[in-house]
Each structure stands twice: as structure tokens, then as C-alpha cells.
Amino acid sequence: MLRTTPVCHVSIAVGFLLTVAPCVSAQSIPAGGAAHGPRSTKDASSTNGPDIWDANHDGIYTCDEWKSYLDRLFTLADRNRDKHLDPSEFAIVRRVGTAFADADFGYFDENQDGKITHSEFVDKPSEFILQFDKNGDCRVTQDEMKGASTDQDVPNRRGKKF
């Protein structure tokens, strides 16, 4: 049994990487965006996150795709399968999810009990969608991104935003 558990974790990690690898290699550069150069924290998720979680690669970013991506990250990181992420498990999210590299544990741990539940993580809205979804349909289209002003801001929340 002890030897099966690490093999299971490696299998899950490899499966996740095989699932994400085509998404990462097929990323497109957003219209009007620069391929290189410094990015502010405010726009980092809009240039490296959505293409990863756009499951059908149609260039339309939806709340359902966002939640599905968060669910996959949570499942990968929840090593002991207790439906909670502790700080060491959250470190996996920070390593695997490029948009989460600077994420703050406390931002997700809403009740500040030292662990992040599945719903605390998966139900966190995408700051990208909040910023660009002009008509409130939980879908960000290319037209909505083109028409977005770069000086818009979303409501202030504690910690790193997504």
C-alpha cells in the first residue's frame, strides 16, 4: 500500500501535465499584447491564464471553463484527498498553475481556518472574467477584450487576484 500511493500521485501528476501540455503549447498571444516584457500583477492573469483554461480553445473564456480548471488544480494538489488544501498542498497549485505563481493562501482561505476547501477554491470568481465580461453573461469574447480599457479595475479584494 505504501508503494502504491506515490505511484498514484505520480500518475495523477503525469496525467494532469499531459492534459495541460497541449494547452500550454497551443497558447496564442492575445490581440494587441506583447509576447515578451514585464507585466504588471493586474494584467498577468489576462495574458497567461485564460489560454490555459480555455478548454475548447475557441478564444471565448467562460466561468464554467474557469471552474473546471480550478477543479483540476485542486484535485491535483489535494494529495491526501481530504477535500482541503493546506499550505504545503497549495504550494503545488502555485507551481503548476502559472497564473497562481504569486497567489496568496489567505485570499482563498476565506474563513481563515488554515485550510482551503474545495468550494473556497473552485468558487472563487475569475478576476479576468470580472474585468472583461461587459455584458455579464459569464463569457469573455475577443470583442469584449478588444473594447476593454486598460485602466479599468475590479473591486479591491485581499491577496492576489485571478
Protein backbone atom coordinates (compact mmCIF):
# COMPACT_ATOMS: atom_id res chain seq x y z
CA MET A 1 0.00 0.00 0.00
CA LEU A 2 2.81 2.43 0.83
CA ARG A 3 4.38 1.98 -2.58
CA THR A 4 1.07 2.40 -4.40
CA THR A 5 0.32 5.86 -3.03
CA PRO A 6 3.41 7.64 -4.50
CA VAL A 7 2.88 5.87 -7.82
CA CYS A 8 -0.74 7.05 -7.79
CA HIS A 9 0.36 10.65 -7.14
CA VAL A 10 2.92 10.49 -9.93
CA SER A 11 0.31 9.04 -12.27
CA ILE A 12 -2.11 11.83 -11.44
CA ALA A 13 0.59 14.47 -11.93
CA VAL A 14 1.68 12.98 -15.25
CA GLY A 15 -1.93 12.75 -16.40
CA PHE A 16 -2.52 16.38 -15.47
CA LEU A 17 0.63 17.51 -17.26
CA LEU A 18 -0.36 15.55 -20.35
CA THR A 19 -3.74 17.27 -20.23
CA VAL A 20 -2.27 20.75 -19.76
CA ALA A 21 0.73 20.42 -22.10
CA PRO A 22 -1.27 20.77 -25.34
CA CYS A 23 -2.99 23.84 -23.88
CA VAL A 24 0.30 25.44 -22.97
CA SER A 25 1.94 24.69 -26.31
CA ALA A 26 -1.11 25.92 -28.22
CA GLN A 27 -1.30 29.25 -26.41
CA SER A 28 -1.81 32.23 -28.62
CA ILE A 29 -0.66 35.74 -27.95
CA PRO A 30 -3.63 37.94 -27.11
CA ALA A 31 -4.53 40.54 -29.71
CA GLY A 32 -2.55 43.69 -29.13
CA GLY A 33 -0.48 42.02 -26.40
CA ALA A 34 3.27 41.77 -26.28
CA ALA A 35 4.88 38.37 -26.32
CA HIS A 36 7.69 39.44 -24.02
CA GLY A 37 8.45 42.09 -21.49
CA PRO A 38 7.35 42.93 -17.99
CA ARG A 39 3.72 42.56 -16.99
CA SER A 40 2.04 44.14 -14.06
CA THR A 41 0.27 42.00 -11.50
CA LYS A 42 -3.01 43.48 -12.71
CA ASP A 43 -2.76 42.06 -16.23
CA ALA A 44 -0.70 38.93 -15.63
CA SER A 45 -3.71 36.62 -15.48
CA SER A 46 -5.18 38.09 -18.64
CA THR A 47 -2.09 37.20 -20.65
CA ASN A 48 -1.06 33.82 -19.29
CA GLY A 49 -4.13 32.32 -17.64
CA PRO A 50 -7.11 32.28 -19.98
CA ASP A 51 -5.46 30.41 -22.82
CA ILE A 52 -4.60 27.64 -20.37
CA TRP A 53 -8.16 27.25 -19.08
CA ASP A 54 -9.96 27.81 -22.40
CA ALA A 55 -10.86 24.12 -22.62
CA ASN A 56 -12.21 24.10 -26.17
CA HIS A 57 -9.66 26.65 -27.46
CA ASP A 58 -12.33 28.83 -29.05
CA GLY A 59 -10.94 32.09 -27.66
CA ILE A 60 -14.05 32.59 -25.52
CA TYR A 61 -13.33 32.33 -21.81
CA THR A 62 -16.22 31.12 -19.67
CA CYS A 63 -16.96 30.77 -15.96
CA ASP A 64 -17.53 27.04 -16.47
CA GLU A 65 -14.08 26.63 -18.04
CA TRP A 66 -12.54 28.63 -15.18
CA LYS A 67 -14.23 26.44 -12.54
CA SER A 68 -13.23 23.28 -14.37
CA TYR A 69 -9.60 24.44 -14.45
CA LEU A 70 -9.69 25.26 -10.72
CA ASP A 71 -11.25 21.86 -10.00
CA ARG A 72 -8.40 20.11 -11.85
CA LEU A 73 -5.79 22.15 -9.95
CA PHE A 74 -7.48 21.42 -6.62
CA THR A 75 -7.68 17.69 -7.35
CA LEU A 76 -4.02 17.59 -8.35
CA ALA A 77 -2.89 19.46 -5.24
CA ASP A 78 -5.09 17.65 -2.69
CA ARG A 79 -2.55 14.90 -2.13
CA ASN A 80 -4.24 13.30 0.88
CA ARG A 81 -7.71 13.55 -0.70
CA ASP A 82 -9.26 15.20 2.36
CA LYS A 83 -11.06 17.86 0.26
CA HIS A 84 -8.90 20.60 1.80
CA LEU A 85 -5.64 22.23 0.77
CA ASP A 86 -3.14 23.01 3.47
CA PRO A 87 -0.27 25.45 2.78
CA SER A 88 2.06 22.68 1.55
CA GLU A 89 -0.58 21.41 -0.88
CA PHE A 90 -1.33 24.97 -2.00
CA ALA A 91 2.35 25.24 -2.96
CA ILE A 92 1.59 22.67 -5.68
CA VAL A 93 -1.09 24.97 -7.11
CA ARG A 94 1.46 27.80 -7.15
CA ARG A 95 3.98 25.65 -9.04
CA VAL A 96 1.61 24.08 -11.57
CA GLY A 97 -0.83 26.92 -12.28
CA THR A 98 1.31 29.65 -13.85
CA ALA A 99 -1.30 32.30 -13.09
CA PHE A 100 -1.05 31.29 -9.41
CA ALA A 101 2.72 31.68 -9.00
CA ASP A 102 2.26 34.65 -6.65
CA ALA A 103 -1.08 33.56 -5.20
CA ASP A 104 -1.79 34.23 -1.55
CA PHE A 105 -3.09 31.33 0.54
CA GLY A 106 -5.17 33.73 2.64
CA TYR A 107 -7.02 35.04 -0.42
CA PHE A 108 -8.56 31.61 -0.90
CA ASP A 109 -8.89 30.69 2.78
CA GLU A 110 -11.95 32.89 3.27
CA ASN A 111 -12.73 31.81 6.84
CA GLN A 112 -9.03 31.89 7.80
CA ASP A 113 -9.08 28.39 9.31
CA GLY A 114 -5.71 27.38 7.84
CA LYS A 115 -7.14 25.23 5.06
CA ILE A 116 -8.81 25.87 1.73
CA THR A 117 -11.95 23.88 1.00
CA HIS A 118 -12.90 22.79 -2.49
CA SER A 119 -15.65 25.41 -2.63
CA GLU A 120 -13.38 28.18 -1.31
CA PHE A 121 -11.02 27.43 -4.18
CA VAL A 122 -13.29 26.47 -7.07
CA ASP A 123 -16.00 29.04 -6.42
CA LYS A 124 -13.52 31.94 -6.44
CA PRO A 125 -14.51 34.12 -9.41
CA SER A 126 -12.04 34.83 -12.16
CA GLU A 127 -10.83 38.42 -11.91
CA PHE A 128 -10.18 38.20 -15.66
CA ILE A 129 -13.86 37.49 -16.33
CA LEU A 130 -14.96 40.14 -13.83
CA GLN A 131 -12.80 42.70 -15.63
CA PHE A 132 -13.64 41.88 -19.24
CA ASP A 133 -17.17 40.41 -19.24
CA LYS A 134 -19.02 43.55 -20.33
CA ASN A 135 -22.50 42.07 -20.75
CA GLY A 136 -22.48 39.87 -17.63
CA ASP A 137 -23.05 36.55 -19.42
CA CYS A 138 -20.05 34.87 -17.75
CA ARG A 139 -18.26 34.69 -21.12
CA VAL A 140 -15.39 36.87 -22.32
CA THR A 141 -15.23 37.18 -26.10
CA GLN A 142 -12.44 38.62 -28.23
CA ASP A 143 -14.64 41.68 -28.92
CA GLU A 144 -15.03 42.31 -25.18
CA MET A 145 -11.26 42.13 -24.70
CA LYS A 146 -10.59 44.48 -27.63
CA GLY A 147 -13.05 47.03 -26.29
CA ALA A 148 -11.73 46.90 -22.73
CA SER A 149 -9.97 49.91 -21.35
CA THR A 150 -6.58 49.14 -19.84
CA ASP A 151 -7.22 51.42 -16.90
CA GLN A 152 -10.23 49.52 -15.58
CA ASP A 153 -10.00 47.98 -12.17
CA VAL A 154 -12.05 45.38 -10.36
CA PRO A 155 -13.28 45.72 -6.79
CA ASN A 156 -10.46 45.60 -4.25
CA ARG A 157 -10.02 42.20 -2.62
CA ARG A 158 -7.31 40.94 -0.34
CA GLY A 159 -4.44 38.96 -1.82
CA LYS A 160 -3.58 38.03 -5.38
CA LYS A 161 -6.44 38.28 -7.84
CA PHE A 162 -7.22 35.95 -10.72
